[in-house]
Amino acid sequence: MQTFKSVSSHRLNQNLGRTGKVWQKNYWDRLLRSEAHLRKTRDDIVKNPVKAKLRSNEFLLWSRPTDAHGEAP
């Protein structure tokens, strides 16, 4: 994980012409235990750039996830 965070932060900063930290010091993983938990986690991930107050050119924008049938959960 340390190697991933180091390499990706260096490349992100280089591409954005910035310096400084990109990642939080710690990370954690979590087992998704239900469809509801999966949907909430997925929605939280989509909202993260806005919560971080990133400008529109600082992250990739994707649409709300859909299920296997192409419908929003």
C-alpha atoms as a PDB file:
ATOM      1  CA  MET A   1       0.000   0.000   0.000  1.00  0.00           C
ATOM      2  CA  GLN A   2       2.852   2.370   0.827  1.00  0.00           C
ATOM      3  CA  THR A   3       4.370   1.927  -2.637  1.00  0.00           C
ATOM      4  CA  PHE A   4       1.028   2.545  -4.351  1.00  0.00           C
ATOM      5  CA  LYS A   5       0.388   5.690  -2.323  1.00  0.00           C
ATOM      6  CA  SER A   6       3.912   7.010  -2.910  1.00  0.00           C
ATOM      7  CA  VAL A   7       3.974   6.436  -6.669  1.00  0.00           C
ATOM      8  CA  SER A   8       0.412   7.619  -7.286  1.00  0.00           C
ATOM      9  CA  SER A   9       0.789  10.792  -5.198  1.00  0.00           C
ATOM     10  CA  HIS A  10       4.008  11.691  -7.007  1.00  0.00           C
ATOM     11  CA  ARG A  11       2.366  11.225 -10.401  1.00  0.00           C
ATOM     12  CA  LEU A  12      -0.819  13.059  -9.424  1.00  0.00           C
ATOM     13  CA  ASN A  13       1.124  16.038  -8.106  1.00  0.00           C
ATOM     14  CA  GLN A  14       3.336  16.050 -11.185  1.00  0.00           C
ATOM     15  CA  ASN A  15       0.330  15.976 -13.541  1.00  0.00           C
ATOM     16  CA  LEU A  16      -1.486  18.697 -11.599  1.00  0.00           C
ATOM     17  CA  GLY A  17       1.607  20.871 -11.103  1.00  0.00           C
ATOM     18  CA  ARG A  18       1.197  20.658  -7.340  1.00  0.00           C
ATOM     19  CA  THR A  19       3.141  19.440  -4.339  1.00  0.00           C
ATOM     20  CA  GLY A  20       2.109  18.053  -1.004  1.00  0.00           C
ATOM     21  CA  LYS A  21       0.148  15.180   0.437  1.00  0.00           C
ATOM     22  CA  VAL A  22      -2.512  13.433  -1.594  1.00  0.00           C
ATOM     23  CA  TRP A  23      -3.466  10.541   0.680  1.00  0.00           C
ATOM     24  CA  GLN A  24      -4.470  10.352   4.313  1.00  0.00           C
ATOM     25  CA  LYS A  25      -1.799   8.857   6.567  1.00  0.00           C
ATOM     26  CA  ASN A  26      -3.818   5.733   7.346  1.00  0.00           C
ATOM     27  CA  TYR A  27      -6.268   3.611   5.423  1.00  0.00           C
ATOM     28  CA  TRP A  28      -8.692   0.875   6.297  1.00  0.00           C
ATOM     29  CA  ASP A  29     -10.650  -1.754   4.501  1.00  0.00           C
ATOM     30  CA  ARG A  30     -14.117  -2.972   5.207  1.00  0.00           C
ATOM     31  CA  LEU A  31     -16.162  -5.988   4.211  1.00  0.00           C
ATOM     32  CA  LEU A  32     -19.364  -5.024   2.412  1.00  0.00           C
ATOM     33  CA  ARG A  33     -22.035  -7.063   4.124  1.00  0.00           C
ATOM     34  CA  SER A  34     -25.198  -6.199   2.208  1.00  0.00           C
ATOM     35  CA  GLU A  35     -26.542  -4.573  -0.950  1.00  0.00           C
ATOM     36  CA  ALA A  36     -27.556  -1.530   1.116  1.00  0.00           C
ATOM     37  CA  HIS A  37     -24.020  -1.188   2.497  1.00  0.00           C
ATOM     38  CA  LEU A  38     -22.600  -1.503  -1.029  1.00  0.00           C
ATOM     39  CA  ARG A  39     -24.942   1.250  -2.329  1.00  0.00           C
ATOM     40  CA  LYS A  40     -24.094   3.614   0.541  1.00  0.00           C
ATOM     41  CA  THR A  41     -20.351   3.028   0.119  1.00  0.00           C
ATOM     42  CA  ARG A  42     -20.589   3.529  -3.636  1.00  0.00           C
ATOM     43  CA  ASP A  43     -22.537   6.791  -3.176  1.00  0.00           C
ATOM     44  CA  ASP A  44     -19.972   8.012  -0.626  1.00  0.00           C
ATOM     45  CA  ILE A  45     -17.128   7.347  -3.082  1.00  0.00           C
ATOM     46  CA  VAL A  46     -18.893   9.315  -5.821  1.00  0.00           C
ATOM     47  CA  LYS A  47     -19.335  12.265  -3.413  1.00  0.00           C
ATOM     48  CA  ASN A  48     -15.716  12.263  -2.148  1.00  0.00           C
ATOM     49  CA  PRO A  49     -14.311  14.801  -4.666  1.00  0.00           C
ATOM     50  CA  VAL A  50     -16.998  17.322  -3.702  1.00  0.00           C
ATOM     51  CA  LYS A  51     -16.401  16.718   0.013  1.00  0.00           C
ATOM     52  CA  ALA A  52     -12.679  17.284  -0.586  1.00  0.00           C
ATOM     53  CA  LYS A  53     -13.514  20.576  -2.363  1.00  0.00           C
ATOM     54  CA  LEU A  54     -11.617  19.544  -5.472  1.00  0.00           C
ATOM     55  CA  ARG A  55     -12.011  21.657  -8.586  1.00  0.00           C
ATOM     56  CA  SER A  56     -13.710  20.027 -11.553  1.00  0.00           C
ATOM     57  CA  ASN A  57     -10.397  19.596 -13.389  1.00  0.00           C
ATOM     58  CA  GLU A  58      -8.786  17.778 -10.441  1.00  0.00           C
ATOM     59  CA  PHE A  59     -10.731  14.527 -10.629  1.00  0.00           C
ATOM     60  CA  LEU A  60     -12.475  12.279 -13.089  1.00  0.00           C
ATOM     61  CA  LEU A  61     -16.224  12.703 -13.055  1.00  0.00           C
ATOM     62  CA  TRP A  62     -18.362   9.632 -13.426  1.00  0.00           C
ATOM     63  CA  SER A  63     -22.076   9.188 -13.396  1.00  0.00           C
ATOM     64  CA  ARG A  64     -23.986   7.574 -10.599  1.00  0.00           C
ATOM     65  CA  PRO A  65     -23.406   3.807 -10.598  1.00  0.00           C
ATOM     66  CA  THR A  66     -26.049   1.521 -12.045  1.00  0.00           C
ATOM     67  CA  ASP A  67     -26.962  -2.054 -11.403  1.00  0.00           C
ATOM     68  CA  ALA A  68     -26.571  -4.933 -13.848  1.00  0.00           C
ATOM     69  CA  HIS A  69     -29.735  -3.790 -15.632  1.00  0.00           C
ATOM     70  CA  GLY A  70     -28.509  -0.201 -16.106  1.00  0.00           C
ATOM     71  CA  GLU A  71     -30.783   1.232 -13.443  1.00  0.00           C
ATOM     72  CA  ALA A  72     -29.728   3.489 -10.573  1.00  0.00           C
ATOM     73  CA  PRO A  73     -29.967   1.634  -7.274  1.00  0.00           C
END
